């Protein structure tokens, strides 16, 4: 019983730590955007957004593969299949939108880096 409790607490602590790290990362990016004055600053921000876009694109591709697997073998999923499909379609849609937003931000910062001397 104690070992189960230990693993549950460890699991929750891991997710809380990961969430805090992500929040700190987004705060650092917002802070970096506010302080960006040189061309180099904008180039670094553009690279950051490009990396984020690539990571989100990979996640979207993973969701696309899961949906394709479901569509090819929907009989394996039973009643939960419709929930599975709608969940992964929503994730695919959100990852695609986020990829586009990150690409737009990267282009924007690349343009700003050309304007700043």
C-alpha atoms as a PDB file:
ATOM      1  CA  UNK A   1       0.000   0.000   0.000  1.00  0.00           C
ATOM      2  CA  UNK A   2       2.776   2.412   0.878  1.00  0.00           C
ATOM      3  CA  UNK A   3       4.630   1.667  -2.342  1.00  0.00           C
ATOM      4  CA  UNK A   4       1.499   2.482  -4.386  1.00  0.00           C
ATOM      5  CA  UNK A   5       1.122   5.758  -2.502  1.00  0.00           C
ATOM      6  CA  UNK A   6       4.795   6.520  -3.062  1.00  0.00           C
ATOM      7  CA  UNK A   7       4.499   5.989  -6.814  1.00  0.00           C
ATOM      8  CA  UNK A   8       1.314   8.063  -7.024  1.00  0.00           C
ATOM      9  CA  UNK A   9       2.973  10.932  -5.167  1.00  0.00           C
ATOM     10  CA  UNK A  10       6.084  10.601  -7.338  1.00  0.00           C
ATOM     11  CA  UNK A  11       3.941  10.627 -10.476  1.00  0.00           C
ATOM     12  CA  UNK A  12       2.044  13.757  -9.382  1.00  0.00           C
ATOM     13  CA  UNK A  13       5.237  15.509  -8.327  1.00  0.00           C
ATOM     14  CA  UNK A  14       6.805  14.764 -11.732  1.00  0.00           C
ATOM     15  CA  UNK A  15       3.898  16.354 -13.585  1.00  0.00           C
ATOM     16  CA  UNK A  16       3.862  19.377 -11.300  1.00  0.00           C
ATOM     17  CA  UNK A  17       7.566  19.893 -11.849  1.00  0.00           C
ATOM     18  CA  UNK A  18       7.170  19.540 -15.609  1.00  0.00           C
ATOM     19  CA  UNK A  19       4.282  22.023 -15.626  1.00  0.00           C
ATOM     20  CA  UNK A  20       6.272  24.554 -13.612  1.00  0.00           C
ATOM     21  CA  UNK A  21       9.190  24.227 -16.015  1.00  0.00           C
ATOM     22  CA  UNK A  22       6.900  24.866 -18.978  1.00  0.00           C
ATOM     23  CA  UNK A  23       5.389  27.914 -17.278  1.00  0.00           C
ATOM     24  CA  UNK A  24       8.852  29.259 -16.519  1.00  0.00           C
ATOM     25  CA  UNK A  25       9.874  28.696 -20.143  1.00  0.00           C
ATOM     26  CA  UNK A  26       6.908  30.665 -21.496  1.00  0.00           C
ATOM     27  CA  UNK A  27       7.618  33.453 -18.998  1.00  0.00           C
ATOM     28  CA  UNK A  28      11.239  33.562 -20.181  1.00  0.00           C
ATOM     29  CA  UNK A  29      10.114  33.855 -23.807  1.00  0.00           C
ATOM     30  CA  UNK A  30       7.705  36.684 -22.969  1.00  0.00           C
ATOM     31  CA  UNK A  31      10.476  38.420 -21.072  1.00  0.00           C
ATOM     32  CA  UNK A  32      12.910  37.909 -23.961  1.00  0.00           C
ATOM     33  CA  UNK A  33      10.389  39.329 -26.425  1.00  0.00           C
ATOM     34  CA  UNK A  34       9.932  42.418 -24.293  1.00  0.00           C
ATOM     35  CA  UNK A  35      13.679  42.963 -24.036  1.00  0.00           C
ATOM     36  CA  UNK A  36      14.557  42.134 -27.672  1.00  0.00           C
ATOM     37  CA  UNK A  37      16.326  45.147 -29.137  1.00  0.00           C
ATOM     38  CA  UNK A  38      19.063  43.822 -31.351  1.00  0.00           C
ATOM     39  CA  UNK A  39      18.941  41.835 -34.541  1.00  0.00           C
ATOM     40  CA  UNK A  40      20.587  38.928 -32.726  1.00  0.00           C
ATOM     41  CA  UNK A  41      17.802  38.887 -30.107  1.00  0.00           C
ATOM     42  CA  UNK A  42      15.140  38.624 -32.793  1.00  0.00           C
ATOM     43  CA  UNK A  43      17.053  35.893 -34.621  1.00  0.00           C
ATOM     44  CA  UNK A  44      17.285  33.847 -31.414  1.00  0.00           C
ATOM     45  CA  UNK A  45      13.548  34.276 -30.833  1.00  0.00           C
ATOM     46  CA  UNK A  46      12.846  33.245 -34.427  1.00  0.00           C
ATOM     47  CA  UNK A  47      14.960  30.114 -33.914  1.00  0.00           C
ATOM     48  CA  UNK A  48      13.075  29.363 -30.705  1.00  0.00           C
ATOM     49  CA  UNK A  49       9.715  29.618 -32.477  1.00  0.00           C
ATOM     50  CA  UNK A  50      10.975  27.501 -35.381  1.00  0.00           C
ATOM     51  CA  UNK A  51      12.089  24.781 -32.956  1.00  0.00           C
ATOM     52  CA  UNK A  52       8.724  24.904 -31.201  1.00  0.00           C
ATOM     53  CA  UNK A  53       6.945  24.689 -34.556  1.00  0.00           C
ATOM     54  CA  UNK A  54       9.013  21.637 -35.523  1.00  0.00           C
ATOM     55  CA  UNK A  55       8.234  19.914 -32.229  1.00  0.00           C
ATOM     56  CA  UNK A  56       4.516  20.636 -32.621  1.00  0.00           C
ATOM     57  CA  UNK A  57       4.623  19.450 -36.215  1.00  0.00           C
ATOM     58  CA  UNK A  58       6.039  16.126 -35.009  1.00  0.00           C
ATOM     59  CA  UNK A  59       3.239  15.845 -32.444  1.00  0.00           C
ATOM     60  CA  UNK A  60       0.653  16.632 -35.128  1.00  0.00           C
ATOM     61  CA  UNK A  61       2.138  13.936 -37.351  1.00  0.00           C
ATOM     62  CA  UNK A  62       1.895  11.456 -34.486  1.00  0.00           C
ATOM     63  CA  UNK A  63      -1.792  12.313 -34.065  1.00  0.00           C
ATOM     64  CA  UNK A  64      -2.327  11.965 -37.814  1.00  0.00           C
ATOM     65  CA  UNK A  65      -0.815   8.473 -37.693  1.00  0.00           C
ATOM     66  CA  UNK A  66      -3.041   7.498 -34.767  1.00  0.00           C
ATOM     67  CA  UNK A  67      -6.112   8.706 -36.654  1.00  0.00           C
ATOM     68  CA  UNK A  68      -5.039   6.822 -39.749  1.00  0.00           C
ATOM     69  CA  UNK A  69      -4.604   3.672 -37.663  1.00  0.00           C
ATOM     70  CA  UNK A  70      -8.062   4.170 -36.197  1.00  0.00           C
ATOM     71  CA  UNK A  71      -9.644   4.688 -39.618  1.00  0.00           C
ATOM     72  CA  UNK A  72      -7.957   1.556 -40.963  1.00  0.00           C
ATOM     73  CA  UNK A  73      -8.914  -0.588 -37.959  1.00  0.00           C
ATOM     74  CA  UNK A  74     -11.891   1.090 -36.315  1.00  0.00           C
ATOM     75  CA  UNK A  75     -13.428  -2.288 -35.481  1.00  0.00           C
ATOM     76  CA  UNK A  76     -10.722  -2.872 -32.865  1.00  0.00           C
ATOM     77  CA  UNK A  77     -11.760   0.131 -30.777  1.00  0.00           C
ATOM     78  CA  UNK A  78     -15.374  -0.681 -29.951  1.00  0.00           C
ATOM     79  CA  UNK A  79     -17.494   1.972 -28.285  1.00  0.00           C
ATOM     80  CA  UNK A  80     -14.525   4.048 -27.210  1.00  0.00           C
ATOM     81  CA  UNK A  81     -13.478   4.459 -30.831  1.00  0.00           C
ATOM     82  CA  UNK A  82     -15.582   7.544 -31.441  1.00  0.00           C
ATOM     83  CA  UNK A  83     -14.158   9.234 -28.374  1.00  0.00           C
ATOM     84  CA  UNK A  84     -10.677   8.189 -29.470  1.00  0.00           C
ATOM     85  CA  UNK A  85     -11.255   9.638 -32.929  1.00  0.00           C
ATOM     86  CA  UNK A  86     -12.704  12.958 -31.765  1.00  0.00           C
ATOM     87  CA  UNK A  87      -9.989  13.368 -29.119  1.00  0.00           C
ATOM     88  CA  UNK A  88      -7.162  12.828 -31.584  1.00  0.00           C
ATOM     89  CA  UNK A  89      -8.815  14.994 -34.234  1.00  0.00           C
ATOM     90  CA  UNK A  90      -8.995  17.814 -31.693  1.00  0.00           C
ATOM     91  CA  UNK A  91      -5.341  17.317 -30.744  1.00  0.00           C
ATOM     92  CA  UNK A  92      -4.342  17.285 -34.405  1.00  0.00           C
ATOM     93  CA  UNK A  93      -6.271  20.508 -34.997  1.00  0.00           C
ATOM     94  CA  UNK A  94      -4.709  22.238 -31.975  1.00  0.00           C
ATOM     95  CA  UNK A  95      -1.167  21.114 -32.802  1.00  0.00           C
ATOM     96  CA  UNK A  96      -1.624  22.293 -36.389  1.00  0.00           C
ATOM     97  CA  UNK A  97      -2.875  25.712 -35.254  1.00  0.00           C
ATOM     98  CA  UNK A  98      -0.021  26.034 -32.764  1.00  0.00           C
ATOM     99  CA  UNK A  99       2.494  25.099 -35.467  1.00  0.00           C
ATOM    100  CA  UNK A 100       1.109  27.806 -37.733  1.00  0.00           C
ATOM    101  CA  UNK A 101       1.207  30.402 -34.928  1.00  0.00           C
ATOM    102  CA  UNK A 102       4.809  29.528 -34.091  1.00  0.00           C
ATOM    103  CA  UNK A 103       5.797  29.733 -37.751  1.00  0.00           C
ATOM    104  CA  UNK A 104       4.126  33.159 -37.990  1.00  0.00           C
ATOM    105  CA  UNK A 105       6.017  34.335 -34.918  1.00  0.00           C
ATOM    106  CA  UNK A 106       9.279  33.055 -36.377  1.00  0.00           C
ATOM    107  CA  UNK A 107       8.670  34.928 -39.633  1.00  0.00           C
ATOM    108  CA  UNK A 108       7.716  38.037 -37.692  1.00  0.00           C
ATOM    109  CA  UNK A 109      10.925  37.963 -35.665  1.00  0.00           C
ATOM    110  CA  UNK A 110      13.011  37.290 -38.778  1.00  0.00           C
ATOM    111  CA  UNK A 111      11.462  40.407 -40.347  1.00  0.00           C
ATOM    112  CA  UNK A 112      12.113  42.411 -37.178  1.00  0.00           C
ATOM    113  CA  UNK A 113      15.736  41.302 -37.180  1.00  0.00           C
ATOM    114  CA  UNK A 114      16.142  42.748 -40.689  1.00  0.00           C
ATOM    115  CA  UNK A 115      14.610  46.073 -39.647  1.00  0.00           C
ATOM    116  CA  UNK A 116      16.706  46.514 -36.478  1.00  0.00           C
ATOM    117  CA  UNK A 117      20.239  47.739 -37.022  1.00  0.00           C
END
